[in-house]
Protein backbone atom coordinates (compact mmCIF):
# COMPACT_ATOMS: atom_id res chain seq x y z
CA UNK A 1 115.33 37.09 134.37
CA UNK A 2 117.79 39.62 135.76
CA UNK A 3 120.49 41.04 133.54
CA UNK A 4 124.21 40.62 134.32
CA UNK A 5 124.40 44.42 134.54
CA UNK A 6 121.72 44.50 137.24
CA UNK A 7 123.49 41.75 139.18
CA UNK A 8 126.80 43.64 139.00
CA UNK A 9 125.14 46.85 140.16
CA UNK A 10 123.42 45.06 143.03
CA UNK A 11 126.62 43.40 144.07
CA UNK A 12 128.50 46.71 144.13
CA UNK A 13 125.70 48.34 146.08
CA UNK A 14 125.64 45.51 148.66
CA UNK A 15 129.43 45.75 149.00
CA UNK A 16 129.33 49.52 149.61
CA UNK A 17 126.47 49.21 152.12
CA UNK A 18 128.29 46.40 153.91
CA UNK A 19 131.40 48.55 154.26
CA UNK A 20 129.34 51.47 155.62
CA UNK A 21 127.67 49.19 158.18
CA UNK A 22 131.07 47.84 159.18
CA UNK A 23 132.47 51.33 159.59
CA UNK A 24 129.48 52.37 161.72
CA UNK A 25 129.43 49.04 163.61
CA UNK A 26 125.76 48.52 162.80
CA UNK A 27 123.82 45.72 161.20
CA UNK A 28 124.59 42.03 161.09
CA UNK A 29 128.23 40.94 161.19
CA UNK A 30 129.77 40.75 157.76
CA UNK A 31 132.33 38.31 156.49
CA UNK A 32 135.86 39.63 156.82
CA UNK A 33 137.34 40.74 153.52
CA UNK A 34 140.65 39.43 152.37
CA UNK A 35 143.42 41.94 153.09
CA UNK A 36 144.58 43.90 150.04
CA UNK A 37 148.27 43.33 149.36
CA UNK A 38 150.19 46.60 149.68
CA UNK A 39 153.66 45.58 148.55
CA UNK A 40 154.38 48.76 146.59
CA UNK A 41 157.26 51.06 147.36
CA UNK A 42 156.14 53.24 150.29
CA UNK A 43 158.77 55.96 149.91
CA UNK A 44 161.31 57.19 147.36
CA UNK A 45 163.43 58.96 149.98
CA UNK A 46 166.10 57.09 152.02
CA UNK A 47 164.78 56.70 155.58
CA UNK A 48 168.19 57.42 157.02
CA UNK A 49 168.53 60.84 155.35
CA UNK A 50 166.31 63.41 157.14
CA UNK A 51 168.14 66.24 155.38
CA UNK A 52 167.09 64.93 151.96
CA UNK A 53 163.53 64.55 153.23
CA UNK A 54 163.39 68.17 154.36
CA UNK A 55 164.98 69.37 151.11
CA UNK A 56 162.38 67.48 149.10
CA UNK A 57 159.55 68.95 151.20
CA UNK A 58 160.89 72.46 150.66
CA UNK A 59 161.28 71.88 146.92
CA UNK A 60 157.71 70.71 146.46
CA UNK A 61 156.23 73.41 148.73
CA UNK A 62 158.04 76.06 146.63
CA UNK A 63 156.87 74.32 143.44
CA UNK A 64 153.30 74.93 144.64
CA UNK A 65 154.21 78.62 145.14
CA UNK A 66 154.35 78.49 148.92
CA UNK A 67 157.02 80.69 150.55
CA UNK A 68 159.33 78.48 152.64
CA UNK A 69 161.59 79.50 155.50
CA UNK A 70 163.88 77.51 157.82
CA UNK A 71 164.95 78.34 161.33
CA UNK A 72 165.77 76.80 164.69
CA UNK A 73 163.26 76.69 167.52
CA UNK A 74 164.93 79.56 169.40
CA UNK A 75 164.72 81.80 166.30
CA UNK A 76 161.07 81.00 165.52
CA UNK A 77 159.47 83.95 167.41
CA UNK A 78 161.79 86.44 165.70
CA UNK A 79 161.15 84.97 162.23
CA UNK A 80 157.39 84.97 162.72
CA UNK A 81 157.49 88.60 163.89
CA UNK A 82 159.51 89.49 160.80
CA UNK A 83 157.04 87.71 158.46
CA UNK A 84 154.06 89.57 159.87
CA UNK A 85 155.92 92.87 159.85
CA UNK A 86 156.90 92.39 156.22
CA UNK A 87 153.17 92.13 155.33
CA UNK A 88 152.25 94.95 157.65
CA UNK A 89 149.94 92.52 159.45
CA UNK A 90 148.26 94.27 162.35
CA UNK A 91 146.06 91.35 163.46
CA UNK A 92 146.90 87.62 163.61
CA UNK A 93 144.30 84.95 164.33
CA UNK A 94 145.49 81.90 166.26
CA UNK A 95 143.98 78.63 167.45
CA UNK A 96 143.50 78.16 171.20
CA UNK A 97 146.33 75.64 171.59
CA UNK A 98 149.06 77.56 169.80
CA UNK A 99 152.30 77.72 171.88
CA UNK A 100 152.26 81.27 173.34
CA UNK A 101 156.02 81.77 172.86
CA UNK A 102 155.65 81.55 169.07
CA UNK A 103 154.23 85.10 169.08
CA UNK A 104 156.24 86.36 172.02
CA UNK A 105 157.89 89.23 170.17
CA UNK A 106 155.39 90.20 167.46
CA UNK A 107 153.83 93.66 167.49
CA UNK A 108 150.66 92.40 165.78
CA UNK A 109 147.45 92.12 167.75
CA UNK A 110 146.84 88.43 168.50
CA UNK A 111 143.22 87.24 168.21
CA UNK A 112 142.73 83.80 169.84
CA UNK A 113 139.81 81.71 168.64
CA UNK A 114 138.72 81.23 172.22
CA UNK A 115 138.85 84.91 173.19
CA UNK A 116 136.41 86.72 175.53
CA UNK A 117 134.15 87.58 172.62
CA UNK A 118 133.73 83.91 171.70
CA UNK A 119 134.93 82.01 168.62
CA UNK A 120 136.02 84.09 165.67
CA UNK A 121 133.24 84.34 163.08
CA UNK A 122 133.77 84.32 159.30
CA UNK A 123 132.97 88.06 159.26
CA UNK A 124 135.60 88.82 161.90
CA UNK A 125 138.17 86.58 160.23
CA UNK A 126 137.56 88.47 156.98
CA UNK A 127 139.07 91.56 158.66
CA UNK A 128 142.12 89.68 159.99
CA UNK A 129 145.44 90.17 158.20
CA UNK A 130 147.04 86.77 158.91
CA UNK A 131 146.50 83.44 160.58
CA UNK A 132 149.19 81.32 162.27
CA UNK A 133 148.89 77.58 162.88
CA UNK A 134 150.89 74.44 163.33
CA UNK A 135 150.17 71.22 161.44
CA UNK A 136 149.63 67.51 162.07
CA UNK A 137 152.01 66.33 159.35
CA UNK A 138 153.88 67.46 156.24
CA UNK A 139 154.35 65.11 153.30
CA UNK A 140 157.64 65.61 151.43
CA UNK A 141 156.87 63.81 148.17
CA UNK A 142 153.71 65.86 147.55
CA UNK A 143 154.53 69.13 149.31
CA UNK A 144 151.38 68.74 151.38
CA UNK A 145 150.51 70.07 154.83
CA UNK A 146 147.91 68.11 156.81
CA UNK A 147 145.81 69.88 159.44
CA UNK A 148 143.48 67.83 161.62
CA UNK A 149 142.06 70.35 164.06
CA UNK A 150 144.67 69.69 166.76
CA UNK A 151 145.47 72.21 169.53
CA UNK A 152 147.89 74.29 167.42
CA UNK A 153 145.68 74.12 164.32
CA UNK A 154 142.13 74.88 165.45
CA UNK A 155 139.04 74.96 163.29
CA UNK A 156 139.19 74.71 159.53
CA UNK A 157 137.52 78.13 159.26
CA UNK A 158 140.65 79.80 160.65
CA UNK A 159 142.74 78.82 157.64
CA UNK A 160 140.10 79.39 154.96
CA UNK A 161 139.13 83.06 155.42
CA UNK A 162 142.29 85.13 156.08
CA UNK A 163 144.32 85.91 152.96
CA UNK A 164 147.67 85.02 154.56
CA UNK A 165 148.39 81.71 156.31
CA UNK A 166 151.65 80.96 158.11
CA UNK A 167 152.06 77.29 159.02
CA UNK A 168 154.82 75.97 161.30
CA UNK A 169 156.23 72.49 160.68
CA UNK A 170 158.34 70.88 163.42
CA UNK A 171 161.04 68.81 161.76
CA UNK A 172 161.83 66.02 161.65
CA UNK A 173 158.97 64.69 163.80
CA UNK A 174 156.14 66.12 161.69
CA UNK A 175 157.68 65.32 158.30
CA UNK A 176 156.96 62.04 156.50
CA UNK A 177 158.11 60.97 153.06
CA UNK A 178 154.88 59.86 151.39
CA UNK A 179 151.11 59.56 151.64
CA UNK A 180 151.28 55.84 152.51
CA UNK A 181 153.48 56.71 155.47
CA UNK A 182 151.24 59.60 156.53
CA UNK A 183 147.91 57.78 156.64
CA UNK A 184 148.69 55.40 159.52
CA UNK A 185 149.71 58.39 161.64
CA UNK A 186 146.44 60.26 161.08
CA UNK A 187 143.17 59.75 162.92
CA UNK A 188 140.46 59.18 160.25
CA UNK A 189 137.78 60.49 162.62
CA UNK A 190 139.38 63.96 162.84
CA UNK A 191 138.50 66.80 160.40
CA UNK A 192 141.46 66.74 158.06
CA UNK A 193 142.50 69.49 155.66
CA UNK A 194 145.22 68.72 153.11
CA UNK A 195 146.95 71.82 151.78
CA UNK A 196 149.28 71.90 148.79
CA UNK A 197 150.27 75.51 148.25
CA UNK A 198 148.04 78.58 148.37
CA UNK A 199 144.44 78.36 147.20
CA UNK A 200 144.38 78.39 143.38
CA UNK A 201 142.14 77.59 140.45
CA UNK A 202 142.16 78.15 136.70
CA UNK A 203 139.63 78.52 133.92
CA UNK A 204 139.45 76.79 130.56
CA UNK A 205 142.21 79.07 129.27
CA UNK A 206 144.43 77.88 132.18
CA UNK A 207 144.63 81.39 133.62
CA UNK A 208 145.62 80.83 137.26
CA UNK A 209 143.72 82.69 139.95
CA UNK A 210 144.85 82.48 143.59
CA UNK A 211 142.88 83.12 146.76
CA UNK A 212 139.52 81.86 145.56
CA UNK A 213 138.95 79.02 148.04
CA UNK A 214 141.38 80.01 150.78
CA UNK A 215 144.52 82.06 151.47
CA UNK A 216 146.21 83.78 148.57
CA UNK A 217 149.62 83.48 150.31
CA UNK A 218 150.90 80.44 152.15
CA UNK A 219 154.14 80.71 154.13
CA UNK A 220 155.67 77.59 155.67
CA UNK A 221 158.27 77.71 158.44
CA UNK A 222 160.33 74.54 158.80
CA UNK A 223 161.68 74.45 162.34
CA UNK A 224 164.79 72.28 162.57
CA UNK A 225 167.51 71.53 165.09
CA UNK A 226 170.19 72.65 162.66
CA UNK A 227 168.54 75.74 161.15
């Protein structure tokens, strides 16, 4: 005689395996599950107030100790050049699809990930001063940047090794209010990285240490029509 616990465990296992088969489109067809009601509030920011959305994003990014800047598209190259100069960055790694005009006036040496010497290795990236990328989305309510390996973002390795990451967010198109609004706009098959502030951890005494699992410094540039 099987125990209720065993039955529950078997039922959970069968459910998980059925979902895996459905996701992989393998195995016998499974019965369709009843849709889960999602009638919760999807955003706490008025949809008709993009200024409030951007202010909230900036507030939460700063709360996570990211350095936030705003500028218009025509001022972006000058601002980026100033950010790298302020850190005395001599080399900047970039993904292959980064818009070339973003670094049109910088004096730093630009190292593309698809350069003549091949993709940048972890060892080479460890000698790079900064990395510049775009993003897929920015989530205002959580102060989160989402990278999915798109043309202006490149491989995940690019944003893990250098100590200084500058990420450009194009507002309002790349800014959403909440995670529920972000998920439908993201491709679940792409390699996503969700970033909330610079890399940080803490020990049992709650002593914060930054730069352990990624960049010690995260700077975010919000590019807007109104500056």
